[in-house]
């Protein structure tokens, strides 16, 4: 099949879940084009971007300040598009340029928009190309986005979509609240490669300092402030512990200040954004993974964090919160522990339990890997996507 992905930008260092869908589908012999609203930011990229030469698949969609539009493209667009489509993309000229850009790369068997707001912008592609439309939601797009733009904001998208993919039971319920018909919903989980993220034999605590790891964008919903407060409550009992934070974001300076004010700056290292090799090394060197996610002030929530899946594949116990889809990844008391959002004292208590028991860390980590191996491998997710696409293509063909 030939598949069109529509995204905010590509490649994004923090969006390994989209990258893995791309590589998984390419491995299964499908052809892709990736249409991006924005050019990707400068900075490091994951190894797969170069290994698969993925930049050659990316097309940056034109914006309203770009050049002229041919009469042929204008006529073709006006024949099938509506005023609402033009408003979604900033006017008729912008819309026609966009249609000309992706039409030149077609035809496509499936149009797949990643994030609900991208679906709102580019749902027109499916109608122009006469292809089924798949829209994937990931977190903020069904939490803070509708809070800012209105609870009915996605109704036009749900009316146009042939399938809406979700990450969890929690997200299913939220999408139904926003107006998605239940029969549109499909479960396409996030993934990691079990051959890439592998368990390593970890020494007992007596062999060196215990290392706690967080991998996340430094944003409010990741709850890292509460992780730092929990560290401050246990550091006197475990003075040698190390807390490594991999990732960058708008709260970097604020979190460094909090660590300083709590007196734990010497125990905490901020590594910034890292590529696959560095992430794997961090996971291999860690003893447990902590991500105390919260609902942010603007309503932003997680979906199912990719880093939690990678930690589980690395056989790390996960300390997290009862938040969004995380309880479907972390089985409380079996593969890690969950505590209420923002409750750093409860977080510290569970942290003490894990710090005191290497055996429990190992047994929980092993159970966590078994849990995610069932449906979160890159190959399994690519196969699910393929089956969804084939179902929709067959349905579209039979209705033609």
Protein backbone atom coordinates (compact mmCIF):
# COMPACT_ATOMS: atom_id res chain seq x y z
CA UNK A 1 0.00 0.00 0.00
CA UNK A 2 0.93 3.64 -0.40
CA UNK A 3 0.21 5.60 2.76
CA UNK A 4 0.19 9.35 3.43
CA UNK A 5 1.14 10.43 6.96
CA UNK A 6 0.22 13.98 8.01
CA UNK A 7 2.15 15.27 11.05
CA UNK A 8 3.16 18.48 12.81
CA UNK A 9 6.81 17.98 11.83
CA UNK A 10 9.19 15.12 11.18
CA UNK A 11 11.50 13.91 12.57
CA UNK A 12 10.82 15.03 16.14
CA UNK A 13 13.23 13.74 18.78
CA UNK A 14 10.38 13.28 21.28
CA UNK A 15 7.98 11.49 18.89
CA UNK A 16 9.54 8.07 18.63
CA UNK A 17 6.03 6.57 18.52
CA UNK A 18 5.43 8.05 15.05
CA UNK A 19 8.96 7.15 13.92
CA UNK A 20 8.35 3.52 14.90
CA UNK A 21 5.08 3.39 12.98
CA UNK A 22 6.96 4.65 9.91
CA UNK A 23 9.78 2.12 10.17
CA UNK A 24 7.43 -0.72 11.06
CA UNK A 25 5.32 -0.10 7.96
CA UNK A 26 8.40 0.25 5.76
CA UNK A 27 9.68 -3.07 7.11
CA UNK A 28 6.39 -4.64 6.02
CA UNK A 29 6.94 -3.42 2.46
CA UNK A 30 4.62 -0.41 2.33
CA UNK A 31 5.39 2.94 0.69
CA UNK A 32 5.05 6.17 2.70
CA UNK A 33 5.07 9.90 2.23
CA UNK A 34 5.20 12.13 5.29
CA UNK A 35 3.51 15.52 4.90
CA UNK A 36 4.56 17.97 7.61
CA UNK A 37 2.89 21.19 8.68
CA UNK A 38 6.28 22.56 9.81
CA UNK A 39 9.90 21.79 9.10
CA UNK A 40 11.53 19.77 11.87
CA UNK A 41 13.66 21.72 14.35
CA UNK A 42 17.42 21.50 14.12
CA UNK A 43 19.02 19.12 16.56
CA UNK A 44 19.83 15.46 17.12
CA UNK A 45 17.74 12.74 15.48
CA UNK A 46 17.31 9.08 16.24
CA UNK A 47 19.43 6.52 14.41
CA UNK A 48 16.52 5.17 12.36
CA UNK A 49 16.07 8.51 10.60
CA UNK A 50 19.41 8.07 8.86
CA UNK A 51 19.34 4.28 8.66
CA UNK A 52 16.05 4.36 6.72
CA UNK A 53 16.86 7.64 4.92
CA UNK A 54 13.54 8.99 6.17
CA UNK A 55 14.13 12.62 5.25
CA UNK A 56 13.62 11.68 1.60
CA UNK A 57 10.01 10.78 2.45
CA UNK A 58 9.18 14.15 4.02
CA UNK A 59 7.34 16.94 2.22
CA UNK A 60 6.83 20.28 3.98
CA UNK A 61 3.35 21.51 3.12
CA UNK A 62 3.12 25.04 1.69
CA UNK A 63 1.84 27.90 3.83
CA UNK A 64 -0.23 30.95 2.87
CA UNK A 65 2.87 33.08 2.21
CA UNK A 66 4.20 30.72 -0.42
CA UNK A 67 4.10 31.31 -4.17
CA UNK A 68 1.37 31.18 -6.79
CA UNK A 69 -1.12 28.47 -7.64
CA UNK A 70 -1.72 27.01 -11.07
CA UNK A 71 -5.17 27.37 -12.62
CA UNK A 72 -5.39 23.58 -12.94
CA UNK A 73 -4.76 23.07 -9.20
CA UNK A 74 -7.27 25.78 -8.33
CA UNK A 75 -10.01 24.25 -10.45
CA UNK A 76 -9.34 20.75 -9.10
CA UNK A 77 -9.57 21.96 -5.51
CA UNK A 78 -12.69 24.07 -5.99
CA UNK A 79 -14.48 21.09 -7.50
CA UNK A 80 -14.40 19.08 -4.24
CA UNK A 81 -13.67 21.43 -1.35
CA UNK A 82 -15.79 23.58 0.91
CA UNK A 83 -15.50 26.89 2.75
CA UNK A 84 -14.90 25.05 6.05
CA UNK A 85 -11.90 23.30 4.48
CA UNK A 86 -10.45 26.64 3.45
CA UNK A 87 -10.92 28.11 6.93
CA UNK A 88 -9.12 25.16 8.48
CA UNK A 89 -6.01 25.89 6.40
CA UNK A 90 -5.99 29.69 6.45
CA UNK A 91 -7.91 30.53 3.30
CA UNK A 92 -8.50 29.32 -0.23
CA UNK A 93 -5.03 30.11 -1.57
CA UNK A 94 -3.36 28.15 1.23
CA UNK A 95 -5.81 25.29 0.81
CA UNK A 96 -5.28 25.01 -2.94
CA UNK A 97 -1.48 25.07 -2.56
CA UNK A 98 -1.73 22.33 0.04
CA UNK A 99 -3.96 20.20 -2.15
CA UNK A 100 -1.58 20.66 -5.09
CA UNK A 101 1.36 19.55 -2.91
CA UNK A 102 -0.05 16.27 -1.71
CA UNK A 103 -1.98 15.50 -4.91
CA UNK A 104 1.28 15.58 -6.84
CA UNK A 105 2.57 12.72 -4.68
CA UNK A 106 -0.60 10.60 -4.95
CA UNK A 107 -2.61 8.53 -5.33
CA UNK A 108 -2.65 7.06 -1.81
CA UNK A 109 -4.48 4.06 -0.43
CA UNK A 110 -4.82 5.58 3.06
CA UNK A 111 -4.51 9.03 4.63
CA UNK A 112 -3.35 8.88 8.27
CA UNK A 113 -3.34 12.08 10.36
CA UNK A 114 -1.35 12.03 13.58
CA UNK A 115 -2.97 14.14 16.36
CA UNK A 116 -6.51 15.42 16.30
CA UNK A 117 -5.61 19.01 15.42
CA UNK A 118 -3.64 17.80 12.39
CA UNK A 119 -6.72 15.80 11.42
CA UNK A 120 -8.80 18.98 11.55
CA UNK A 121 -6.37 20.74 9.22
CA UNK A 122 -5.80 17.95 6.73
CA UNK A 123 -8.94 15.80 6.72
CA UNK A 124 -9.52 17.33 3.28
CA UNK A 125 -6.70 15.18 1.92
CA UNK A 126 -8.76 12.02 2.22
CA UNK A 127 -11.67 13.54 0.31
CA UNK A 128 -9.44 14.93 -2.46
CA UNK A 129 -7.58 11.64 -2.80
CA UNK A 130 -10.73 9.53 -2.32
CA UNK A 131 -8.91 7.55 0.36
CA UNK A 132 -10.04 6.34 3.79
CA UNK A 133 -9.07 8.65 6.67
CA UNK A 134 -7.42 7.43 9.88
CA UNK A 135 -6.83 9.88 12.75
CA UNK A 136 -4.66 9.02 15.77
CA UNK A 137 -4.99 10.77 19.12
CA UNK A 138 -2.10 10.84 21.57
CA UNK A 139 -2.87 12.96 24.66
CA UNK A 140 -3.06 16.75 24.62
CA UNK A 141 -5.30 16.62 21.56
CA UNK A 142 -8.11 15.04 23.56
CA UNK A 143 -7.40 16.89 26.82
CA UNK A 144 -6.07 20.47 26.71
CA UNK A 145 -6.88 21.12 23.04
CA UNK A 146 -10.66 20.70 23.31
CA UNK A 147 -10.58 22.55 26.61
CA UNK A 148 -9.09 25.54 24.77
CA UNK A 149 -11.11 25.24 21.55
CA UNK A 150 -14.41 23.81 22.72
CA UNK A 151 -15.70 20.32 23.47
CA UNK A 152 -17.28 20.05 20.02
CA UNK A 153 -14.13 21.03 18.12
CA UNK A 154 -13.58 17.56 16.65
CA UNK A 155 -17.12 16.92 15.45
CA UNK A 156 -16.23 17.74 11.79
CA UNK A 157 -13.26 15.39 12.04
CA UNK A 158 -15.28 12.52 13.47
CA UNK A 159 -17.82 13.01 10.69
CA UNK A 160 -15.06 12.66 8.08
CA UNK A 161 -12.96 9.88 9.65
CA UNK A 162 -13.18 6.20 8.79
CA UNK A 163 -11.26 5.20 11.94
CA UNK A 164 -10.06 6.98 15.08
CA UNK A 165 -7.20 5.33 16.95
CA UNK A 166 -6.81 5.48 20.70
CA UNK A 167 -4.14 4.42 23.19
CA UNK A 168 -6.18 3.23 26.17
CA UNK A 169 -9.58 2.60 27.70
CA UNK A 170 -9.27 6.00 29.38
CA UNK A 171 -8.73 7.67 25.99
CA UNK A 172 -11.62 5.71 24.44
CA UNK A 173 -13.96 7.19 27.01
CA UNK A 174 -12.61 10.68 26.47
CA UNK A 175 -13.01 10.47 22.70
CA UNK A 176 -16.60 9.30 23.09
CA UNK A 177 -17.22 12.32 25.35
CA UNK A 178 -15.87 14.54 22.57
CA UNK A 179 -18.28 13.03 20.08
CA UNK A 180 -16.51 10.11 18.44
CA UNK A 181 -18.91 7.30 17.54
CA UNK A 182 -17.87 4.14 19.37
CA UNK A 183 -17.70 2.15 16.15
CA UNK A 184 -14.93 4.42 14.80
CA UNK A 185 -12.56 3.66 17.68
CA UNK A 186 -9.61 1.32 17.21
CA UNK A 187 -6.78 0.51 19.61
CA UNK A 188 -3.31 1.15 18.18
CA UNK A 189 -0.83 1.16 21.08
CA UNK A 190 2.58 2.79 21.17
CA UNK A 191 5.57 0.55 20.63
CA UNK A 192 9.23 -0.15 21.20
CA UNK A 193 11.64 -2.71 19.76
CA UNK A 194 12.27 -5.50 22.29
CA UNK A 195 15.59 -6.27 20.61
CA UNK A 196 16.72 -2.66 21.11
CA UNK A 197 15.56 -2.16 24.70
CA UNK A 198 16.84 -5.24 26.50
CA UNK A 199 17.23 -6.15 30.16
CA UNK A 200 20.71 -6.06 31.62
CA UNK A 201 21.96 -7.73 34.78
CA UNK A 202 21.92 -5.08 37.46
CA UNK A 203 24.18 -5.29 40.50
CA UNK A 204 22.96 -5.17 44.06
CA UNK A 205 22.71 -1.80 45.75
CA UNK A 206 25.94 -2.49 47.64
CA UNK A 207 27.86 -2.44 44.34
CA UNK A 208 27.23 1.26 43.74
CA UNK A 209 24.70 4.08 43.98
CA UNK A 210 21.12 3.37 43.00
CA UNK A 211 20.20 5.23 39.83
CA UNK A 212 16.68 6.54 39.30
CA UNK A 213 15.80 7.60 35.76
CA UNK A 214 13.21 9.84 34.11
CA UNK A 215 12.98 10.26 30.33
CA UNK A 216 10.54 13.01 29.38
CA UNK A 217 10.00 16.41 27.85
CA UNK A 218 10.34 18.92 30.66
CA UNK A 219 6.72 20.04 30.71
CA UNK A 220 4.19 20.37 33.51
CA UNK A 221 2.25 17.17 32.81
CA UNK A 222 5.36 15.02 33.36
CA UNK A 223 5.25 15.88 37.08
CA UNK A 224 9.01 16.09 37.49
CA UNK A 225 8.67 18.72 40.22
CA UNK A 226 7.02 16.04 42.39
CA UNK A 227 9.76 13.55 41.58
CA UNK A 228 12.32 16.07 42.85
CA UNK A 229 10.29 16.62 46.02
CA UNK A 230 10.16 12.86 46.58
CA UNK A 231 13.92 12.62 46.10
CA UNK A 232 14.37 15.31 48.74
CA UNK A 233 12.38 13.22 51.23
CA UNK A 234 14.50 10.07 50.79
CA UNK A 235 17.97 11.41 50.09
CA UNK A 236 18.99 11.51 53.75
CA UNK A 237 18.36 7.76 54.06
CA UNK A 238 19.99 7.07 50.68
CA UNK A 239 22.60 9.82 50.33
CA UNK A 240 24.38 8.22 47.37
CA UNK A 241 21.36 7.87 45.11
CA UNK A 242 21.46 9.43 41.67
CA UNK A 243 18.50 10.87 39.79
CA UNK A 244 19.07 11.19 36.03
CA UNK A 245 16.67 13.26 33.90
CA UNK A 246 16.91 12.79 30.14
CA UNK A 247 14.97 15.28 28.02
CA UNK A 248 14.54 18.99 27.55
CA UNK A 249 11.69 21.45 27.48
CA UNK A 250 10.32 24.76 28.72
CA UNK A 251 10.63 23.90 32.44
CA UNK A 252 14.34 23.06 32.36
CA UNK A 253 15.54 26.14 34.24
CA UNK A 254 12.65 26.05 36.71
CA UNK A 255 13.28 22.40 37.56
CA UNK A 256 16.99 23.04 38.08
CA UNK A 257 16.03 25.85 40.47
CA UNK A 258 13.65 23.54 42.37
CA UNK A 259 16.37 20.90 42.71
CA UNK A 260 18.72 23.57 44.05
CA UNK A 261 16.17 24.92 46.52
CA UNK A 262 15.39 21.41 47.82
CA UNK A 263 19.08 20.71 48.44
CA UNK A 264 19.27 17.78 46.01
CA UNK A 265 21.05 19.41 43.08
CA UNK A 266 24.16 17.32 43.73
CA UNK A 267 22.09 14.14 43.35
CA UNK A 268 20.36 15.20 40.13
CA UNK A 269 21.76 15.36 36.59
CA UNK A 270 19.89 17.02 33.71
CA UNK A 271 21.13 15.49 30.46
CA UNK A 272 18.95 17.30 27.92
CA UNK A 273 17.64 15.64 24.75
CA UNK A 274 19.37 12.44 23.72
CA UNK A 275 19.25 10.08 20.75
CA UNK A 276 18.53 6.34 20.84
CA UNK A 277 22.01 5.20 21.85
CA UNK A 278 22.13 7.55 24.83
CA UNK A 279 18.58 6.65 25.88
CA UNK A 280 19.41 2.95 25.78
CA UNK A 281 22.57 3.57 27.80
CA UNK A 282 20.59 5.51 30.40
CA UNK A 283 18.02 2.72 30.69
CA UNK A 284 20.76 0.09 30.95
CA UNK A 285 22.44 2.01 33.75
CA UNK A 286 19.28 2.66 35.77
CA UNK A 287 17.76 0.67 38.64
CA UNK A 288 14.23 2.04 38.41
CA UNK A 289 12.16 4.41 36.30
CA UNK A 290 10.06 7.26 37.68
CA UNK A 291 7.45 9.33 35.86
CA UNK A 292 4.86 10.94 38.21
CA UNK A 293 2.61 12.37 35.48
CA UNK A 294 -0.13 14.86 36.35
CA UNK A 295 -2.97 16.75 34.71
CA UNK A 296 -1.49 20.16 33.89
CA UNK A 297 -3.17 23.45 34.71
CA UNK A 298 -4.40 23.80 31.12
CA UNK A 299 -5.88 20.28 31.20
CA UNK A 300 -3.04 18.62 29.29
CA UNK A 301 -2.75 14.88 29.96
CA UNK A 302 -0.62 11.97 28.87
CA UNK A 303 -1.70 9.24 26.51
CA UNK A 304 0.48 6.23 27.30
CA UNK A 305 4.06 7.54 27.63
CA UNK A 306 6.54 5.91 25.27
CA UNK A 307 9.29 6.16 27.89
CA UNK A 308 7.30 3.94 30.26
CA UNK A 309 7.09 1.29 27.52
CA UNK A 310 10.83 1.54 26.87
CA UNK A 311 11.55 1.25 30.60
CA UNK A 312 9.38 -1.85 30.83
CA UNK A 313 11.16 -3.45 27.85
CA UNK A 314 14.41 -2.68 29.71
CA UNK A 315 13.04 -4.62 32.72
CA UNK A 316 12.91 -1.59 34.98
CA UNK A 317 10.23 -1.28 37.64
CA UNK A 318 8.14 1.84 37.01
CA UNK A 319 7.05 4.30 39.68
CA UNK A 320 4.26 6.47 38.29
CA UNK A 321 0.75 7.81 38.95
CA UNK A 322 -2.90 6.93 38.51
CA UNK A 323 -3.10 9.09 35.42
CA UNK A 324 -4.71 8.70 31.97
CA UNK A 325 -3.62 5.43 30.30
CA UNK A 326 -0.62 4.75 32.57
CA UNK A 327 -2.45 2.13 34.72
CA UNK A 328 -2.79 0.01 31.58
CA UNK A 329 1.00 0.00 31.21
CA UNK A 330 1.97 -0.26 34.90
CA UNK A 331 0.26 -2.87 37.04
CA UNK A 332 0.31 -1.50 40.56
CA UNK A 333 2.19 -3.83 42.90
CA UNK A 334 3.20 -6.17 40.05
CA UNK A 335 5.30 -4.26 37.50
CA UNK A 336 5.80 -1.13 39.61
CA UNK A 337 3.82 1.20 41.81
CA UNK A 338 1.23 3.90 41.16
CA UNK A 339 0.42 6.79 43.49
CA UNK A 340 -2.10 9.66 43.31
CA UNK A 341 -1.11 12.65 41.17
CA UNK A 342 0.95 15.34 42.96
CA UNK A 343 1.29 13.21 46.13
CA UNK A 344 5.06 13.36 46.51
CA UNK A 345 4.93 11.89 50.01
CA UNK A 346 3.25 8.73 48.66
CA UNK A 347 5.79 8.77 45.83
CA UNK A 348 8.63 8.95 48.37
CA UNK A 349 7.18 6.05 50.37
CA UNK A 350 7.02 3.80 47.32
CA UNK A 351 10.48 4.98 46.29
CA UNK A 352 11.84 3.90 49.68
CA UNK A 353 10.28 0.46 49.24
CA UNK A 354 12.01 -0.03 45.89
CA UNK A 355 15.33 1.44 47.02
CA UNK A 356 15.45 -1.02 49.92
CA UNK A 357 14.77 -4.12 47.83
CA UNK A 358 16.87 -4.94 44.76
CA UNK A 359 15.05 -8.28 44.53
CA UNK A 360 11.68 -6.57 44.23
CA UNK A 361 13.04 -4.20 41.60
CA UNK A 362 14.25 -7.15 39.53
CA UNK A 363 11.05 -9.18 39.85
CA UNK A 364 8.85 -6.17 39.01
CA UNK A 365 11.06 -5.28 36.07
CA UNK A 366 10.84 -8.81 34.65
CA UNK A 367 7.05 -8.77 35.04
CA UNK A 368 6.90 -5.39 33.30
CA UNK A 369 8.76 -6.67 30.26
CA UNK A 370 6.46 -9.68 29.98
CA UNK A 371 3.48 -7.32 30.15
CA UNK A 372 4.56 -4.98 27.32
CA UNK A 373 5.83 -7.83 25.12
CA UNK A 374 2.22 -8.89 24.57
CA UNK A 375 1.20 -5.97 22.36
CA UNK A 376 3.71 -3.11 22.42
CA UNK A 377 6.38 -4.36 20.01
CA UNK A 378 7.08 -2.36 16.86
CA UNK A 379 6.24 -5.34 14.66
CA UNK A 380 2.93 -6.03 16.40
CA UNK A 381 1.83 -2.40 16.12
CA UNK A 382 2.79 -2.22 12.42
CA UNK A 383 0.77 -5.37 11.80
CA UNK A 384 -2.24 -3.83 13.57
CA UNK A 385 -1.96 -0.72 11.45
CA UNK A 386 -1.67 -2.79 8.30
CA UNK A 387 -4.78 -4.78 9.17
CA UNK A 388 -6.70 -1.58 9.89
CA UNK A 389 -5.64 -0.05 6.58
CA UNK A 390 -6.58 -3.21 4.65
CA UNK A 391 -9.99 -3.29 6.31
CA UNK A 392 -10.68 0.32 5.36
CA UNK A 393 -9.38 -0.04 1.81
CA UNK A 394 -11.53 -3.12 1.27
CA UNK A 395 -14.58 -1.29 2.65
CA UNK A 396 -13.91 1.74 0.45
CA UNK A 397 -13.47 -0.46 -2.64
CA UNK A 398 -16.70 -2.35 -1.97
CA UNK A 399 -18.63 0.93 -1.64
CA UNK A 400 -17.24 2.42 -4.86
